[in-house]
Amino acid sequence: MKLTPLWRGFIAGAAIALGAAALGLIFVAYQQPGLLLQLVNLRYCG
């Protein structure tokens, strides 16, 4: 399947956005590890 330049740009932008979100989460987890643990606990127990 050949991708058009529009789809290729969309996929590249989505990949960059996901990478930026992952980097932001890692940075927040490094600064405040208790916050990340609390968030995980709320998802599993709440």
Protein backbone atom coordinates (compact mmCIF):
# COMPACT_ATOMS: atom_id res chain seq x y z
CA MET A 1 0.00 0.00 0.00
CA LYS A 2 1.47 3.29 -1.08
CA LEU A 3 0.93 6.20 1.28
CA THR A 4 0.15 9.64 -0.02
CA PRO A 5 2.23 12.53 1.35
CA LEU A 6 -0.79 13.68 3.37
CA TRP A 7 -1.09 10.36 5.20
CA ARG A 8 2.67 10.15 5.65
CA GLY A 9 2.67 13.59 7.27
CA PHE A 10 -0.27 12.68 9.49
CA ILE A 11 1.40 9.48 10.69
CA ALA A 12 4.68 11.31 11.31
CA GLY A 13 2.87 14.01 13.29
CA ALA A 14 1.01 11.43 15.37
CA ALA A 15 4.28 9.61 16.11
CA ILE A 16 5.95 12.87 17.17
CA ALA A 17 2.98 13.74 19.40
CA LEU A 18 3.06 10.31 21.07
CA GLY A 19 6.80 10.61 21.61
CA ALA A 20 6.39 14.06 23.16
CA ALA A 21 3.63 12.80 25.46
CA ALA A 22 5.81 9.87 26.56
CA LEU A 23 8.73 12.21 27.25
CA GLY A 24 6.47 14.50 29.27
CA LEU A 25 5.19 11.58 31.33
CA ILE A 26 8.73 10.36 31.98
CA PHE A 27 9.78 13.87 33.06
CA VAL A 28 6.82 14.20 35.46
CA ALA A 29 7.46 10.72 36.86
CA TYR A 30 11.10 11.62 37.46
CA GLN A 31 10.20 14.87 39.23
CA GLN A 32 7.32 13.46 41.32
CA PRO A 33 7.33 9.65 41.46
CA GLY A 34 4.55 9.58 44.07
CA LEU A 35 2.16 11.29 41.66
CA LEU A 36 2.61 8.58 39.05
CA LEU A 37 2.14 5.84 41.65
CA GLN A 38 -1.03 7.54 42.87
CA LEU A 39 -2.38 7.77 39.30
CA VAL A 40 -1.72 4.07 38.67
CA ASN A 41 -3.33 3.18 42.00
CA LEU A 42 -6.46 5.17 41.13
CA ARG A 43 -6.77 3.42 37.76
CA TYR A 44 -6.46 -0.08 39.21
CA CYS A 45 -8.34 0.37 42.48
CA GLY A 46 -10.84 3.06 41.56
